[in-house]
C-alpha atoms as a PDB file:
ATOM      1  CA  MET A   1     -88.446  -1.687  39.477  1.00  0.00           C
ATOM      2  CA  GLU A   2     -90.596   0.729  37.725  1.00  0.00           C
ATOM      3  CA  LYS A   3     -89.210   2.831  34.876  1.00  0.00           C
ATOM      4  CA  THR A   4     -89.998   6.493  34.648  1.00  0.00           C
ATOM      5  CA  LYS A   5     -91.453   8.187  31.677  1.00  0.00           C
ATOM      6  CA  VAL A   6     -88.157  10.046  31.021  1.00  0.00           C
ATOM      7  CA  SER A   7     -86.144   6.754  31.041  1.00  0.00           C
ATOM      8  CA  ARG A   8     -88.682   5.292  28.565  1.00  0.00           C
ATOM      9  CA  LEU A   9     -88.383   8.294  26.252  1.00  0.00           C
ATOM     10  CA  LYS A  10     -84.629   7.998  26.387  1.00  0.00           C
ATOM     11  CA  GLU A  11     -85.013   4.272  25.636  1.00  0.00           C
ATOM     12  CA  GLY A  12     -87.230   5.156  22.749  1.00  0.00           C
ATOM     13  CA  PHE A  13     -84.702   7.638  21.259  1.00  0.00           C
ATOM     14  CA  LEU A  14     -82.012   5.037  21.662  1.00  0.00           C
ATOM     15  CA  TYR A  15     -84.063   2.460  19.761  1.00  0.00           C
ATOM     16  CA  ALA A  16     -84.796   5.010  17.022  1.00  0.00           C
ATOM     17  CA  LEU A  17     -81.103   5.853  16.664  1.00  0.00           C
ATOM     18  CA  LEU A  18     -80.380   2.175  16.259  1.00  0.00           C
ATOM     19  CA  PHE A  19     -83.193   1.748  13.700  1.00  0.00           C
ATOM     20  CA  ILE A  20     -82.117   4.777  11.680  1.00  0.00           C
ATOM     21  CA  GLY A  21     -78.443   3.873  11.733  1.00  0.00           C
ATOM     22  CA  PHE A  22     -79.205   0.362  10.613  1.00  0.00           C
ATOM     23  CA  ASN A  23     -81.365   1.626   7.735  1.00  0.00           C
ATOM     24  CA  ILE A  24     -78.815   4.146   6.647  1.00  0.00           C
ATOM     25  CA  ILE A  25     -76.085   1.583   6.548  1.00  0.00           C
ATOM     26  CA  LYS A  26     -78.269  -0.906   4.661  1.00  0.00           C
ATOM     27  CA  LYS A  27     -79.190   1.756   2.084  1.00  0.00           C
ATOM     28  CA  LEU A  28     -75.619   2.763   1.446  1.00  0.00           C
ATOM     29  CA  ILE A  29     -74.596  -0.810   1.015  1.00  0.00           C
ATOM     30  CA  PHE A  30     -77.539  -2.288  -1.021  1.00  0.00           C
ATOM     31  CA  ASP A  31     -78.879   0.686  -2.978  1.00  0.00           C
ATOM     32  CA  TYR A  32     -75.934   1.664  -5.239  1.00  0.00           C
ATOM     33  CA  GLY A  33     -77.971   4.069  -7.387  1.00  0.00           C
ATOM     34  CA  GLU A  34     -79.101   6.331  -4.648  1.00  0.00           C
ATOM     35  CA  THR A  35     -75.705   6.279  -3.024  1.00  0.00           C
ATOM     36  CA  SER A  36     -74.002   7.372  -6.140  1.00  0.00           C
ATOM     37  CA  GLN A  37     -76.496  10.110  -6.715  1.00  0.00           C
ATOM     38  CA  LEU A  38     -76.131  11.321  -3.053  1.00  0.00           C
ATOM     39  CA  PHE A  39     -72.253  11.588  -3.568  1.00  0.00           C
ATOM     40  CA  ASN A  40     -72.854  13.262  -6.877  1.00  0.00           C
ATOM     41  CA  GLU A  41     -75.066  15.873  -5.237  1.00  0.00           C
ATOM     42  CA  LEU A  42     -72.530  16.310  -2.396  1.00  0.00           C
ATOM     43  CA  SER A  43     -69.759  17.162  -4.881  1.00  0.00           C
ATOM     44  CA  HIS A  44     -71.918  19.914  -6.489  1.00  0.00           C
ATOM     45  CA  ALA A  45     -73.218  21.752  -3.423  1.00  0.00           C
ATOM     46  CA  PRO A  46     -71.841  20.164  -0.195  1.00  0.00           C
ATOM     47  CA  ARG A  47     -73.098  22.888   2.186  1.00  0.00           C
ATOM     48  CA  TYR A  48     -76.771  22.747   1.172  1.00  0.00           C
ATOM     49  CA  VAL A  49     -76.911  19.021   0.756  1.00  0.00           C
ATOM     50  CA  LEU A  50     -75.225  18.208   4.124  1.00  0.00           C
ATOM     51  CA  GLY A  51     -77.502  20.706   5.890  1.00  0.00           C
ATOM     52  CA  VAL A  52     -80.643  19.208   4.410  1.00  0.00           C
ATOM     53  CA  LEU A  53     -79.354  15.686   5.050  1.00  0.00           C
ATOM     54  CA  ILE A  54     -78.516  16.300   8.661  1.00  0.00           C
ATOM     55  CA  LEU A  55     -81.681  18.178   9.363  1.00  0.00           C
ATOM     56  CA  THR A  56     -83.746  15.364   7.842  1.00  0.00           C
ATOM     57  CA  ILE A  57     -81.966  12.696   9.892  1.00  0.00           C
ATOM     58  CA  VAL A  58     -82.417  14.736  13.118  1.00  0.00           C
ATOM     59  CA  VAL A  59     -86.083  15.354  12.477  1.00  0.00           C
ATOM     60  CA  VAL A  60     -86.780  11.728  11.589  1.00  0.00           C
ATOM     61  CA  TRP A  61     -84.876  10.592  14.716  1.00  0.00           C
ATOM     62  CA  LEU A  62     -86.960  12.872  16.962  1.00  0.00           C
ATOM     63  CA  PHE A  63     -90.182  11.838  15.384  1.00  0.00           C
ATOM     64  CA  ILE A  64     -89.481   8.072  15.539  1.00  0.00           C
ATOM     65  CA  GLY A  65     -88.016   8.404  19.068  1.00  0.00           C
ATOM     66  CA  LEU A  66     -91.166  10.127  20.316  1.00  0.00           C
ATOM     67  CA  ILE A  67     -93.334   7.477  18.711  1.00  0.00           C
ATOM     68  CA  ILE A  68     -91.295   4.592  20.242  1.00  0.00           C
ATOM     69  CA  GLY A  69     -91.148   6.365  23.555  1.00  0.00           C
ATOM     70  CA  GLY A  70     -94.822   7.058  23.659  1.00  0.00           C
ATOM     71  CA  VAL A  71     -95.573   3.353  22.795  1.00  0.00           C
ATOM     72  CA  LEU A  72     -93.316   2.214  25.629  1.00  0.00           C
ATOM     73  CA  ILE A  73     -94.939   4.591  28.108  1.00  0.00           C
ATOM     74  CA  ILE A  74     -98.455   3.578  27.018  1.00  0.00           C
ATOM     75  CA  SER A  75     -97.413  -0.217  27.408  1.00  0.00           C
ATOM     76  CA  ASP A  76     -96.164   0.475  30.851  1.00  0.00           C
ATOM     77  CA  VAL A  77     -99.418   2.250  31.767  1.00  0.00           C
ATOM     78  CA  SER A  78    -101.617  -0.503  30.303  1.00  0.00           C
ATOM     79  CA  LYS A  79     -99.633  -3.251  32.312  1.00  0.00           C
ATOM     80  CA  ARG A  80    -100.743  -1.664  35.682  1.00  0.00           C
END
């Protein structure tokens, strides 16, 4: 069964979401200095910091998802 380009892009975005989620959890657990600084910044200006944080995560997710999806599509084309 052949996968379509759209399903490969969806798969790429899912893999990117897993990758980003794992890295965020790893950073929060093992990098105490950055985590404490993030919470310190959140306490001073929560609206601005949350906006920038969410925007950064979404843009990185889209970028990594497109890269992974593109690689999956290229690998499918090259197998034919």
